[in-house]
Amino acid sequence: YRQTADPDEVREQFLPVAEETARQYGLKLFEGRRIFELRPPI
């Protein structure tokens, strides 16, 4: 989300979506530099 108009605002809006997706598909959520990552829970 680095290229969005307001990355900080986008993070706040999209974080619940990322968390929900991780829970629904049994993955782990990580955050980096303007990035959400979904990885296997290993």
PDB file of all heavy atoms in Angstrom:
ATOM      1  N   TYR A   1       0.812  -1.217   0.000  1.00  0.00           N
ATOM      2  CA  TYR A   1       0.000   0.000   0.000  1.00  0.00           C
ATOM      3  C   TYR A   1       0.850   1.274   0.000  1.00  0.00           C
ATOM      4  O   TYR A   1       0.376   2.369   0.271  1.00  0.00           O
ATOM      5  CB  TYR A   1      -0.996   0.004   1.161  1.00  0.00           C
ATOM      6  CG  TYR A   1      -0.404  -0.115   2.551  1.00  0.00           C
ATOM      7  CD1 TYR A   1      -0.109   1.017   3.311  1.00  0.00           C
ATOM      8  CD2 TYR A   1      -0.183  -1.361   3.128  1.00  0.00           C
ATOM      9  CE1 TYR A   1       0.397   0.913   4.596  1.00  0.00           C
ATOM     10  CE2 TYR A   1       0.336  -1.482   4.405  1.00  0.00           C
ATOM     11  CZ  TYR A   1       0.617  -0.341   5.144  1.00  0.00           C
ATOM     12  OH  TYR A   1       1.122  -0.458   6.416  1.00  0.00           O
ATOM     13  N   ARG A   2       2.117   1.140  -0.343  1.00  0.00           N
ATOM     14  CA  ARG A   2       3.023   2.290  -0.404  1.00  0.00           C
ATOM     15  C   ARG A   2       2.552   3.335  -1.420  1.00  0.00           C
ATOM     16  O   ARG A   2       2.767   4.535  -1.236  1.00  0.00           O
ATOM     17  CB  ARG A   2       4.440   1.807  -0.750  1.00  0.00           C
ATOM     18  CG  ARG A   2       5.498   2.905  -0.778  1.00  0.00           C
ATOM     19  CD  ARG A   2       6.845   2.344  -1.207  1.00  0.00           C
ATOM     20  NE  ARG A   2       7.345   1.370  -0.247  1.00  0.00           N
ATOM     21  CZ  ARG A   2       8.075   1.675   0.821  1.00  0.00           C
ATOM     22  NH1 ARG A   2       8.376   2.940   1.069  1.00  0.00           N
ATOM     23  NH2 ARG A   2       8.497   0.740   1.635  1.00  0.00           N
ATOM     24  N   GLN A   3       1.925   2.875  -2.507  1.00  0.00           N
ATOM     25  CA  GLN A   3       1.543   3.775  -3.586  1.00  0.00           C
ATOM     26  C   GLN A   3       0.150   4.391  -3.397  1.00  0.00           C
ATOM     27  O   GLN A   3      -0.335   5.087  -4.289  1.00  0.00           O
ATOM     28  CB  GLN A   3       1.578   3.026  -4.914  1.00  0.00           C
ATOM     29  CG  GLN A   3       2.979   2.621  -5.369  1.00  0.00           C
ATOM     30  CD  GLN A   3       3.862   3.839  -5.618  1.00  0.00           C
ATOM     31  OE1 GLN A   3       3.567   4.675  -6.446  1.00  0.00           O
ATOM     32  NE2 GLN A   3       4.939   3.944  -4.861  1.00  0.00           N
ATOM     33  N   THR A   4      -0.497   4.156  -2.283  1.00  0.00           N
ATOM     34  CA  THR A   4      -1.817   4.746  -2.050  1.00  0.00           C
ATOM     35  C   THR A   4      -1.681   6.232  -1.705  1.00  0.00           C
ATOM     36  O   THR A   4      -0.605   6.701  -1.319  1.00  0.00           O
ATOM     37  CB  THR A   4      -2.548   4.023  -0.911  1.00  0.00           C
ATOM     38  OG1 THR A   4      -1.758   4.117   0.291  1.00  0.00           O
ATOM     39  CG2 THR A   4      -2.752   2.556  -1.261  1.00  0.00           C
ATOM     40  N   ALA A   5      -2.779   6.952  -1.828  1.00  0.00           N
ATOM     41  CA  ALA A   5      -2.745   8.398  -1.578  1.00  0.00           C
ATOM     42  C   ALA A   5      -2.397   8.721  -0.128  1.00  0.00           C
ATOM     43  O   ALA A   5      -1.690   9.699   0.152  1.00  0.00           O
ATOM     44  CB  ALA A   5      -4.093   9.011  -1.948  1.00  0.00           C
ATOM     45  N   ASP A   6      -2.887   7.920   0.810  1.00  0.00           N
ATOM     46  CA  ASP A   6      -2.611   8.135   2.241  1.00  0.00           C
ATOM     47  C   ASP A   6      -2.327   6.779   2.883  1.00  0.00           C
ATOM     48  O   ASP A   6      -3.231   6.119   3.399  1.00  0.00           O
ATOM     49  CB  ASP A   6      -3.816   8.808   2.914  1.00  0.00           C
ATOM     50  CG  ASP A   6      -3.524   9.224   4.357  1.00  0.00           C
ATOM     51  OD1 ASP A   6      -2.563   8.694   4.943  1.00  0.00           O
ATOM     52  OD2 ASP A   6      -4.277  10.075   4.882  1.00  0.00           O
ATOM     53  N   PRO A   7      -1.066   6.317   2.845  1.00  0.00           N
ATOM     54  CA  PRO A   7      -0.741   4.980   3.354  1.00  0.00           C
ATOM     55  C   PRO A   7      -1.154   4.739   4.807  1.00  0.00           C
ATOM     56  O   PRO A   7      -1.602   3.640   5.144  1.00  0.00           O
ATOM     57  CB  PRO A   7       0.786   4.902   3.190  1.00  0.00           C
ATOM     58  CG  PRO A   7       1.087   5.859   2.079  1.00  0.00           C
ATOM     59  CD  PRO A   7       0.111   6.979   2.254  1.00  0.00           C
ATOM     60  N   ASP A   8      -1.019   5.743   5.668  1.00  0.00           N
ATOM     61  CA  ASP A   8      -1.390   5.552   7.074  1.00  0.00           C
ATOM     62  C   ASP A   8      -2.887   5.307   7.217  1.00  0.00           C
ATOM     63  O   ASP A   8      -3.322   4.435   7.983  1.00  0.00           O
ATOM     64  CB  ASP A   8      -0.970   6.776   7.903  1.00  0.00           C
ATOM     65  CG  ASP A   8       0.542   6.904   8.016  1.00  0.00           C
ATOM     66  OD1 ASP A   8       1.237   5.870   7.940  1.00  0.00           O
ATOM     67  OD2 ASP A   8       1.033   8.035   8.176  1.00  0.00           O
ATOM     68  N   GLU A   9      -3.685   6.074   6.482  1.00  0.00           N
ATOM     69  CA  GLU A   9      -5.131   5.898   6.526  1.00  0.00           C
ATOM     70  C   GLU A   9      -5.527   4.544   5.934  1.00  0.00           C
ATOM     71  O   GLU A   9      -6.407   3.857   6.464  1.00  0.00           O
ATOM     72  CB  GLU A   9      -5.821   7.037   5.770  1.00  0.00           C
ATOM     73  CG  GLU A   9      -7.334   6.921   5.686  1.00  0.00           C
ATOM     74  CD  GLU A   9      -8.013   6.971   7.049  1.00  0.00           C
ATOM     75  OE1 GLU A   9      -7.425   7.549   7.999  1.00  0.00           O
ATOM     76  OE2 GLU A   9      -9.137   6.427   7.158  1.00  0.00           O
ATOM     77  N   VAL A  10      -4.879   4.172   4.829  1.00  0.00           N
ATOM     78  CA  VAL A  10      -5.177   2.886   4.195  1.00  0.00           C
ATOM     79  C   VAL A  10      -4.860   1.736   5.144  1.00  0.00           C
ATOM     80  O   VAL A  10      -5.618   0.760   5.230  1.00  0.00           O
ATOM     81  CB  VAL A  10      -4.404   2.746   2.871  1.00  0.00           C
ATOM     82  CG1 VAL A  10      -4.432   1.298   2.366  1.00  0.00           C
ATOM     83  CG2 VAL A  10      -4.993   3.675   1.818  1.00  0.00           C
ATOM     84  N   ARG A  11      -3.760   1.848   5.867  1.00  0.00           N
ATOM     85  CA  ARG A  11      -3.417   0.782   6.823  1.00  0.00           C
ATOM     86  C   ARG A  11      -4.524   0.621   7.854  1.00  0.00           C
ATOM     87  O   ARG A  11      -4.935  -0.510   8.159  1.00  0.00           O
ATOM     88  CB  ARG A  11      -2.099   1.098   7.529  1.00  0.00           C
ATOM     89  CG  ARG A  11      -1.718   0.017   8.542  1.00  0.00           C
ATOM     90  CD  ARG A  11      -0.625   0.437   9.503  1.00  0.00           C
ATOM     91  NE  ARG A  11      -0.423  -0.625  10.494  1.00  0.00           N
ATOM     92  CZ  ARG A  11      -1.142  -0.736  11.608  1.00  0.00           C
ATOM     93  NH1 ARG A  11      -2.120   0.126  11.879  1.00  0.00           N
ATOM     94  NH2 ARG A  11      -0.897  -1.731  12.452  1.00  0.00           N
ATOM     95  N   GLU A  12      -5.003   1.719   8.395  1.00  0.00           N
ATOM     96  CA  GLU A  12      -6.054   1.645   9.408  1.00  0.00           C
ATOM     97  C   GLU A  12      -7.326   1.022   8.839  1.00  0.00           C
ATOM     98  O   GLU A  12      -7.997   0.236   9.499  1.00  0.00           O
ATOM     99  CB  GLU A  12      -6.356   3.047   9.943  1.00  0.00           C
ATOM    100  CG  GLU A  12      -5.229   3.645  10.774  1.00  0.00           C
ATOM    101  CD  GLU A  12      -4.874   2.796  11.980  1.00  0.00           C
ATOM    102  OE1 GLU A  12      -5.800   2.352  12.695  1.00  0.00           O
ATOM    103  OE2 GLU A  12      -3.671   2.548  12.206  1.00  0.00           O
ATOM    104  N   GLN A  13      -7.655   1.367   7.606  1.00  0.00           N
ATOM    105  CA  GLN A  13      -8.876   0.846   6.991  1.00  0.00           C
ATOM    106  C   GLN A  13      -8.757  -0.632   6.627  1.00  0.00           C
ATOM    107  O   GLN A  13      -9.718  -1.399   6.767  1.00  0.00           O
ATOM    108  CB  GLN A  13      -9.217   1.646   5.726  1.00  0.00           C
ATOM    109  CG  GLN A  13      -9.692   3.064   5.977  1.00  0.00           C
ATOM    110  CD  GLN A  13     -10.128   3.731   4.684  1.00  0.00           C
ATOM    111  OE1 GLN A  13     -10.696   3.091   3.801  1.00  0.00           O
ATOM    112  NE2 GLN A  13      -9.858   5.016   4.564  1.00  0.00           N
ATOM    113  N   PHE A  14      -7.577  -1.021   6.146  1.00  0.00           N
ATOM    114  CA  PHE A  14      -7.442  -2.373   5.594  1.00  0.00           C
ATOM    115  C   PHE A  14      -6.980  -3.404   6.620  1.00  0.00           C
ATOM    116  O   PHE A  14      -7.156  -4.606   6.397  1.00  0.00           O
ATOM    117  CB  PHE A  14      -6.468  -2.365   4.413  1.00  0.00           C
ATOM    118  CG  PHE A  14      -6.605  -3.557   3.514  1.00  0.00           C
ATOM    119  CD1 PHE A  14      -7.620  -3.613   2.565  1.00  0.00           C
ATOM    120  CD2 PHE A  14      -5.748  -4.640   3.616  1.00  0.00           C
ATOM    121  CE1 PHE A  14      -7.771  -4.722   1.739  1.00  0.00           C
ATOM    122  CE2 PHE A  14      -5.882  -5.750   2.804  1.00  0.00           C
ATOM    123  CZ  PHE A  14      -6.906  -5.783   1.854  1.00  0.00           C
ATOM    124  N   LEU A  15      -6.429  -2.973   7.732  1.00  0.00           N
ATOM    125  CA  LEU A  15      -5.932  -3.928   8.730  1.00  0.00           C
ATOM    126  C   LEU A  15      -7.009  -4.927   9.159  1.00  0.00           C
ATOM    127  O   LEU A  15      -6.731  -6.137   9.227  1.00  0.00           O
ATOM    128  CB  LEU A  15      -5.369  -3.185   9.943  1.00  0.00           C
ATOM    129  CG  LEU A  15      -4.835  -4.057  11.084  1.00  0.00           C
ATOM    130  CD1 LEU A  15      -3.721  -4.983  10.597  1.00  0.00           C
ATOM    131  CD2 LEU A  15      -4.342  -3.191  12.238  1.00  0.00           C
ATOM    132  N   PRO A  16      -8.247  -4.511   9.438  1.00  0.00           N
ATOM    133  CA  PRO A  16      -9.275  -5.502   9.806  1.00  0.00           C
ATOM    134  C   PRO A  16      -9.540  -6.525   8.694  1.00  0.00           C
ATOM    135  O   PRO A  16      -9.808  -7.694   8.977  1.00  0.00           O
ATOM    136  CB  PRO A  16     -10.514  -4.640  10.065  1.00  0.00           C
ATOM    137  CG  PRO A  16      -9.984  -3.287  10.409  1.00  0.00           C
ATOM    138  CD  PRO A  16      -8.743  -3.128   9.561  1.00  0.00           C
ATOM    139  N   VAL A  17      -9.442  -6.097   7.433  1.00  0.00           N
ATOM    140  CA  VAL A  17      -9.633  -7.017   6.311  1.00  0.00           C
ATOM    141  C   VAL A  17      -8.514  -8.056   6.290  1.00  0.00           C
ATOM    142  O   VAL A  17      -8.756  -9.255   6.112  1.00  0.00           O
ATOM    143  CB  VAL A  17      -9.672  -6.250   4.972  1.00  0.00           C
ATOM    144  CG1 VAL A  17      -9.769  -7.228   3.794  1.00  0.00           C
ATOM    145  CG2 VAL A  17     -10.827  -5.260   4.954  1.00  0.00           C
ATOM    146  N   ALA A  18      -7.283  -7.587   6.471  1.00  0.00           N
ATOM    147  CA  ALA A  18      -6.131  -8.496   6.478  1.00  0.00           C
ATOM    148  C   ALA A  18      -6.234  -9.477   7.633  1.00  0.00           C
ATOM    149  O   ALA A  18      -5.957 -10.682   7.478  1.00  0.00           O
ATOM    150  CB  ALA A  18      -4.834  -7.693   6.566  1.00  0.00           C
ATOM    151  N   GLU A  19      -6.629  -8.994   8.801  1.00  0.00           N
ATOM    152  CA  GLU A  19      -6.769  -9.867   9.976  1.00  0.00           C
ATOM    153  C   GLU A  19      -7.875 -10.907   9.756  1.00  0.00           C
ATOM    154  O   GLU A  19      -7.705 -12.082  10.094  1.00  0.00           O
ATOM    155  CB  GLU A  19      -7.070  -9.023  11.209  1.00  0.00           C
ATOM    156  CG  GLU A  19      -5.904  -8.159  11.652  1.00  0.00           C
ATOM    157  CD  GLU A  19      -6.261  -7.221  12.792  1.00  0.00           C
ATOM    158  OE1 GLU A  19      -7.460  -6.855  12.914  1.00  0.00           O
ATOM    159  OE2 GLU A  19      -5.360  -6.834  13.551  1.00  0.00           O
ATOM    160  N   GLU A  20      -8.988 -10.471   9.199  1.00  0.00           N
ATOM    161  CA  GLU A  20     -10.100 -11.392   8.918  1.00  0.00           C
ATOM    162  C   GLU A  20      -9.696 -12.466   7.915  1.00  0.00           C
ATOM    163  O   GLU A  20     -10.010 -13.655   8.088  1.00  0.00           O
ATOM    164  CB  GLU A  20     -11.288 -10.593   8.377  1.00  0.00           C
ATOM    165  CG  GLU A  20     -12.465 -11.442   7.949  1.00  0.00           C
ATOM    166  CD  GLU A  20     -13.505 -10.636   7.173  1.00  0.00           C
ATOM    167  OE1 GLU A  20     -13.606  -9.420   7.389  1.00  0.00           O
ATOM    168  OE2 GLU A  20     -14.203 -11.240   6.322  1.00  0.00           O
ATOM    169  N   THR A  21      -8.977 -12.065   6.873  1.00  0.00           N
ATOM    170  CA  THR A  21      -8.550 -13.020   5.848  1.00  0.00           C
ATOM    171  C   THR A  21      -7.591 -14.047   6.436  1.00  0.00           C
ATOM    172  O   THR A  21      -7.680 -15.247   6.142  1.00  0.00           O
ATOM    173  CB  THR A  21      -7.885 -12.282   4.679  1.00  0.00           C
ATOM    174  OG1 THR A  21      -8.781 -11.294   4.166  1.00  0.00           O
ATOM    175  CG2 THR A  21      -7.503 -13.245   3.563  1.00  0.00           C
ATOM    176  N   ALA A  22      -6.665 -13.573   7.268  1.00  0.00           N
ATOM    177  CA  ALA A  22      -5.715 -14.492   7.902  1.00  0.00           C
ATOM    178  C   ALA A  22      -6.448 -15.515   8.761  1.00  0.00           C
ATOM    179  O   ALA A  22      -6.155 -16.721   8.699  1.00  0.00           O
ATOM    180  CB  ALA A  22      -4.711 -13.703   8.741  1.00  0.00           C
ATOM    181  N   ARG A  23      -7.412 -15.059   9.555  1.00  0.00           N
ATOM    182  CA  ARG A  23      -8.171 -15.987  10.413  1.00  0.00           C
ATOM    183  C   ARG A  23      -8.975 -16.979   9.582  1.00  0.00           C
ATOM    184  O   ARG A  23      -8.993 -18.181   9.866  1.00  0.00           O
ATOM    185  CB  ARG A  23      -9.127 -15.189  11.325  1.00  0.00           C
ATOM    186  CG  ARG A  23      -8.467 -14.501  12.498  1.00  0.00           C
ATOM    187  CD  ARG A  23      -9.512 -14.058  13.507  1.00  0.00           C
ATOM    188  NE  ARG A  23     -10.498 -13.152  12.905  1.00  0.00           N
ATOM    189  CZ  ARG A  23     -10.373 -11.835  12.860  1.00  0.00           C
ATOM    190  NH1 ARG A  23      -9.306 -11.262  13.379  1.00  0.00           N
ATOM    191  NH2 ARG A  23     -11.323 -11.088  12.313  1.00  0.00           N
ATOM    192  N   GLN A  24      -9.647 -16.470   8.552  1.00  0.00           N
ATOM    193  CA  GLN A  24     -10.541 -17.322   7.755  1.00  0.00           C
ATOM    194  C   GLN A  24      -9.797 -18.457   7.065  1.00  0.00           C
ATOM    195  O   GLN A  24     -10.326 -19.571   6.941  1.00  0.00           O
ATOM    196  CB  GLN A  24     -11.258 -16.462   6.717  1.00  0.00           C
ATOM    197  CG  GLN A  24     -12.258 -17.247   5.861  1.00  0.00           C
ATOM    198  CD  GLN A  24     -13.026 -16.344   4.909  1.00  0.00           C
ATOM    199  OE1 GLN A  24     -12.895 -15.123   4.946  1.00  0.00           O
ATOM    200  NE2 GLN A  24     -13.823 -16.956   4.038  1.00  0.00           N
ATOM    201  N   TYR A  25      -8.546 -18.194   6.629  1.00  0.00           N
ATOM    202  CA  TYR A  25      -7.809 -19.200   5.853  1.00  0.00           C
ATOM    203  C   TYR A  25      -6.653 -19.826   6.626  1.00  0.00           C
ATOM    204  O   TYR A  25      -5.810 -20.502   6.048  1.00  0.00           O
ATOM    205  CB  TYR A  25      -7.328 -18.583   4.545  1.00  0.00           C
ATOM    206  CG  TYR A  25      -8.479 -18.220   3.643  1.00  0.00           C
ATOM    207  CD1 TYR A  25      -8.973 -16.917   3.609  1.00  0.00           C
ATOM    208  CD2 TYR A  25      -9.132 -19.185   2.876  1.00  0.00           C
ATOM    209  CE1 TYR A  25     -10.064 -16.585   2.819  1.00  0.00           C
ATOM    210  CE2 TYR A  25     -10.218 -18.866   2.082  1.00  0.00           C
ATOM    211  CZ  TYR A  25     -10.681 -17.564   2.064  1.00  0.00           C
ATOM    212  OH  TYR A  25     -11.771 -17.248   1.287  1.00  0.00           O
ATOM    213  N   GLY A  26      -6.635 -19.604   7.938  1.00  0.00           N
ATOM    214  CA  GLY A  26      -5.640 -20.266   8.777  1.00  0.00           C
ATOM    215  C   GLY A  26      -4.216 -19.823   8.513  1.00  0.00           C
ATOM    216  O   GLY A  26      -3.280 -20.630   8.600  1.00  0.00           O
ATOM    217  N   LEU A  27      -4.018 -18.536   8.204  1.00  0.00           N
ATOM    218  CA  LEU A  27      -2.693 -17.996   7.917  1.00  0.00           C
ATOM    219  C   LEU A  27      -2.271 -17.020   9.013  1.00  0.00           C
ATOM    220  O   LEU A  27      -3.064 -16.660   9.884  1.00  0.00           O
ATOM    221  CB  LEU A  27      -2.702 -17.291   6.551  1.00  0.00           C
ATOM    222  CG  LEU A  27      -3.168 -18.152   5.372  1.00  0.00           C
ATOM    223  CD1 LEU A  27      -3.286 -17.310   4.106  1.00  0.00           C
ATOM    224  CD2 LEU A  27      -2.222 -19.335   5.158  1.00  0.00           C
ATOM    225  N   LYS A  28      -1.027 -16.600   8.981  1.00  0.00           N
ATOM    226  CA  LYS A  28      -0.523 -15.621   9.942  1.00  0.00           C
ATOM    227  C   LYS A  28      -0.294 -14.289   9.234  1.00  0.00           C
ATOM    228  O   LYS A  28       0.213 -14.259   8.113  1.00  0.00           O
ATOM    229  CB  LYS A  28       0.782 -16.095  10.585  1.00  0.00           C
ATOM    230  CG  LYS A  28       0.601 -17.253  11.551  1.00  0.00           C
ATOM    231  CD  LYS A  28       1.884 -17.541  12.323  1.00  0.00           C
ATOM    232  CE  LYS A  28       2.181 -16.434  13.317  1.00  0.00           C
ATOM    233  NZ  LYS A  28       3.336 -16.760  14.189  1.00  0.00           N
ATOM    234  N   LEU A  29      -0.649 -13.206   9.911  1.00  0.00           N
ATOM    235  CA  LEU A  29      -0.486 -11.863   9.358  1.00  0.00           C
ATOM    236  C   LEU A  29       0.777 -11.220   9.897  1.00  0.00           C
ATOM    237  O   LEU A  29       1.022 -11.225  11.099  1.00  0.00           O
ATOM    238  CB  LEU A  29      -1.705 -11.003   9.709  1.00  0.00           C
ATOM    239  CG  LEU A  29      -1.621  -9.526   9.317  1.00  0.00           C
ATOM    240  CD1 LEU A  29      -1.546  -9.359   7.805  1.00  0.00           C
ATOM    241  CD2 LEU A  29      -2.811  -8.756   9.899  1.00  0.00           C
ATOM    242  N   PHE A  30       1.589 -10.668   8.981  1.00  0.00           N
ATOM    243  CA  PHE A  30       2.786  -9.916   9.340  1.00  0.00           C
ATOM    244  C   PHE A  30       2.705  -8.552   8.657  1.00  0.00           C
ATOM    245  O   PHE A  30       2.056  -8.395   7.624  1.00  0.00           O
ATOM    246  CB  PHE A  30       4.058 -10.643   8.875  1.00  0.00           C
ATOM    247  CG  PHE A  30       4.308 -11.943   9.564  1.00  0.00           C
ATOM    248  CD1 PHE A  30       3.692 -13.114   9.119  1.00  0.00           C
ATOM    249  CD2 PHE A  30       5.157 -12.024  10.651  1.00  0.00           C
ATOM    250  CE1 PHE A  30       3.914 -14.322   9.753  1.00  0.00           C
ATOM    251  CE2 PHE A  30       5.392 -13.232  11.296  1.00  0.00           C
ATOM    252  CZ  PHE A  30       4.766 -14.388  10.835  1.00  0.00           C
ATOM    253  N   GLU A  31       3.376  -7.574   9.252  1.00  0.00           N
ATOM    254  CA  GLU A  31       3.449  -6.252   8.631  1.00  0.00           C
ATOM    255  C   GLU A  31       4.900  -5.862   8.418  1.00  0.00           C
ATOM    256  O   GLU A  31       5.772  -6.152   9.242  1.00  0.00           O
ATOM    257  CB  GLU A  31       2.764  -5.200   9.508  1.00  0.00           C
ATOM    258  CG  GLU A  31       1.255  -5.330   9.557  1.00  0.00           C
ATOM    259  CD  GLU A  31       0.595  -4.115  10.174  1.00  0.00           C
ATOM    260  OE1 GLU A  31       0.642  -3.026   9.550  1.00  0.00           O
ATOM    261  OE2 GLU A  31       0.054  -4.258  11.291  1.00  0.00           O
ATOM    262  N   GLY A  32       5.152  -5.197   7.280  1.00  0.00           N
ATOM    263  CA  GLY A  32       6.486  -4.692   6.968  1.00  0.00           C
ATOM    264  C   GLY A  32       6.395  -3.236   6.558  1.00  0.00           C
ATOM    265  O   GLY A  32       5.503  -2.509   6.995  1.00  0.00           O
ATOM    266  N   ARG A  33       7.319  -2.812   5.690  1.00  0.00           N
ATOM    267  CA  ARG A  33       7.327  -1.426   5.222  1.00  0.00           C
ATOM    268  C   ARG A  33       6.167  -1.217   4.249  1.00  0.00           C
ATOM    269  O   ARG A  33       6.246  -1.587   3.089  1.00  0.00           O
ATOM    270  CB  ARG A  33       8.650  -1.102   4.511  1.00  0.00           C
ATOM    271  CG  ARG A  33       9.880  -1.193   5.396  1.00  0.00           C
ATOM    272  CD  ARG A  33      11.088  -0.684   4.612  1.00  0.00           C
ATOM    273  NE  ARG A  33      12.327  -0.858   5.336  1.00  0.00           N
ATOM    274  CZ  ARG A  33      13.197  -1.832   5.145  1.00  0.00           C
ATOM    275  NH1 ARG A  33      12.929  -2.749   4.223  1.00  0.00           N
ATOM    276  NH2 ARG A  33      14.310  -1.906   5.839  1.00  0.00           N
ATOM    277  N   ARG A  34       5.083  -0.625   4.726  1.00  0.00           N
ATOM    278  CA  ARG A  34       3.903  -0.358   3.897  1.00  0.00           C
ATOM    279  C   ARG A  34       3.416  -1.628   3.198  1.00  0.00           C
ATOM    280  O   ARG A  34       3.108  -1.641   2.008  1.00  0.00           O
ATOM    281  CB  ARG A  34       4.201   0.719   2.849  1.00  0.00           C
ATOM    282  CG  ARG A  34       4.778   2.007   3.395  1.00  0.00           C
ATOM    283  CD  ARG A  34       3.793   2.729   4.276  1.00  0.00           C
ATOM    284  NE  ARG A  34       4.222   4.106   4.546  1.00  0.00           N
ATOM    285  CZ  ARG A  34       3.663   4.920   5.428  1.00  0.00           C
ATOM    286  NH1 ARG A  34       2.642   4.483   6.160  1.00  0.00           N
ATOM    287  NH2 ARG A  34       4.089   6.138   5.607  1.00  0.00           N
ATOM    288  N   ILE A  35       3.345  -2.709   3.966  1.00  0.00           N
ATOM    289  CA  ILE A  35       2.972  -3.985   3.369  1.00  0.00           C
ATOM    290  C   ILE A  35       2.327  -4.883   4.425  1.00  0.00           C
ATOM    291  O   ILE A  35       2.718  -4.872   5.599  1.00  0.00           O
ATOM    292  CB  ILE A  35       4.223  -4.684   2.768  1.00  0.00           C
ATOM    293  CG1 ILE A  35       3.840  -5.938   2.005  1.00  0.00           C
ATOM    294  CG2 ILE A  35       5.244  -5.003   3.836  1.00  0.00           C
ATOM    295  CD1 ILE A  35       5.024  -6.580   1.305  1.00  0.00           C
ATOM    296  N   PHE A  36       1.294  -5.616   4.026  1.00  0.00           N
ATOM    297  CA  PHE A  36       0.742  -6.715   4.813  1.00  0.00           C
ATOM    298  C   PHE A  36       1.212  -8.013   4.165  1.00  0.00           C
ATOM    299  O   PHE A  36       1.251  -8.121   2.936  1.00  0.00           O
ATOM    300  CB  PHE A  36      -0.792  -6.705   4.793  1.00  0.00           C
ATOM    301  CG  PHE A  36      -1.419  -5.511   5.447  1.00  0.00           C
ATOM    302  CD1 PHE A  36      -2.072  -4.551   4.682  1.00  0.00           C
ATOM    303  CD2 PHE A  36      -1.387  -5.352   6.827  1.00  0.00           C
ATOM    304  CE1 PHE A  36      -2.666  -3.449   5.273  1.00  0.00           C
ATOM    305  CE2 PHE A  36      -1.977  -4.250   7.434  1.00  0.00           C
ATOM    306  CZ  PHE A  36      -2.619  -3.290   6.650  1.00  0.00           C
ATOM    307  N   GLU A  37       1.558  -8.996   4.984  1.00  0.00           N
ATOM    308  CA  GLU A  37       1.945 -10.297   4.448  1.00  0.00           C
ATOM    309  C   GLU A  37       1.150 -11.397   5.136  1.00  0.00           C
ATOM    310  O   GLU A  37       1.029 -11.410   6.361  1.00  0.00           O
ATOM    311  CB  GLU A  37       3.443 -10.545   4.640  1.00  0.00           C
ATOM    312  CG  GLU A  37       4.313  -9.683   3.757  1.00  0.00           C
ATOM    313  CD  GLU A  37       5.734 -10.196   3.663  1.00  0.00           C
ATOM    314  OE1 GLU A  37       6.200 -10.848   4.625  1.00  0.00           O
ATOM    315  OE2 GLU A  37       6.380  -9.944   2.643  1.00  0.00           O
ATOM    316  N   LEU A  38       0.629 -12.319   4.342  1.00  0.00           N
ATOM    317  CA  LEU A  38      -0.052 -13.495   4.851  1.00  0.00           C
ATOM    318  C   LEU A  38       0.832 -14.702   4.571  1.00  0.00           C
ATOM    319  O   LEU A  38       1.179 -14.967   3.421  1.00  0.00           O
ATOM    320  CB  LEU A  38      -1.414 -13.656   4.171  1.00  0.00           C
ATOM    321  CG  LEU A  38      -2.422 -12.523   4.418  1.00  0.00           C
ATOM    322  CD1 LEU A  38      -3.705 -12.777   3.632  1.00  0.00           C
ATOM    323  CD2 LEU A  38      -2.724 -12.373   5.896  1.00  0.00           C
ATOM    324  N   ARG A  39       1.198 -15.414   5.632  1.00  0.00           N
ATOM    325  CA  ARG A  39       2.117 -16.543   5.507  1.00  0.00           C
ATOM    326  C   ARG A  39       1.525 -17.772   6.194  1.00  0.00           C
ATOM    327  O   ARG A  39       0.675 -17.661   7.079  1.00  0.00           O
ATOM    328  CB  ARG A  39       3.466 -16.231   6.167  1.00  0.00           C
ATOM    329  CG  ARG A  39       4.137 -14.953   5.706  1.00  0.00           C
ATOM    330  CD  ARG A  39       5.454 -14.783   6.433  1.00  0.00           C
ATOM    331  NE  ARG A  39       5.982 -13.434   6.361  1.00  0.00           N
ATOM    332  CZ  ARG A  39       6.987 -12.985   7.104  1.00  0.00           C
ATOM    333  NH1 ARG A  39       7.577 -13.802   7.971  1.00  0.00           N
ATOM    334  NH2 ARG A  39       7.399 -11.730   6.982  1.00  0.00           N
ATOM    335  N   PRO A  40       2.004 -18.957   5.831  1.00  0.00           N
ATOM    336  CA  PRO A  40       1.580 -20.169   6.535  1.00  0.00           C
ATOM    337  C   PRO A  40       1.975 -20.084   8.012  1.00  0.00           C
ATOM    338  O   PRO A  40       3.024 -19.515   8.347  1.00  0.00           O
ATOM    339  CB  PRO A  40       2.350 -21.287   5.825  1.00  0.00           C
ATOM    340  CG  PRO A  40       2.704 -20.718   4.495  1.00  0.00           C
ATOM    341  CD  PRO A  40       2.923 -19.256   4.726  1.00  0.00           C
ATOM    342  N   PRO A  41       1.193 -20.667   8.900  1.00  0.00           N
ATOM    343  CA  PRO A  41       1.492 -20.607  10.340  1.00  0.00           C
ATOM    344  C   PRO A  41       2.508 -21.661  10.760  1.00  0.00           C
ATOM    345  O   PRO A  41       2.232 -22.548  11.562  1.00  0.00           O
ATOM    346  CB  PRO A  41       0.125 -20.864  10.982  1.00  0.00           C
ATOM    347  CG  PRO A  41      -0.550 -21.779  10.012  1.00  0.00           C
ATOM    348  CD  PRO A  41      -0.093 -21.331   8.634  1.00  0.00           C
ATOM    349  N   ILE A  42       3.687 -21.557  10.221  1.00  0.00           N
ATOM    350  CA  ILE A  42       4.737 -22.526  10.531  1.00  0.00           C
ATOM    351  C   ILE A  42       5.973 -21.774  11.013  1.00  0.00           C
ATOM    352  O   ILE A  42       6.211 -20.635  10.622  1.00  0.00           O
ATOM    353  CB  ILE A  42       5.091 -23.399   9.306  1.00  0.00           C
ATOM    354  CG1 ILE A  42       5.534 -22.525   8.129  1.00  0.00           C
ATOM    355  CG2 ILE A  42       3.907 -24.262   8.916  1.00  0.00           C
ATOM    356  CD1 ILE A  42       5.964 -23.305   6.922  1.00  0.00           C
TER     357      ILE A  42
END
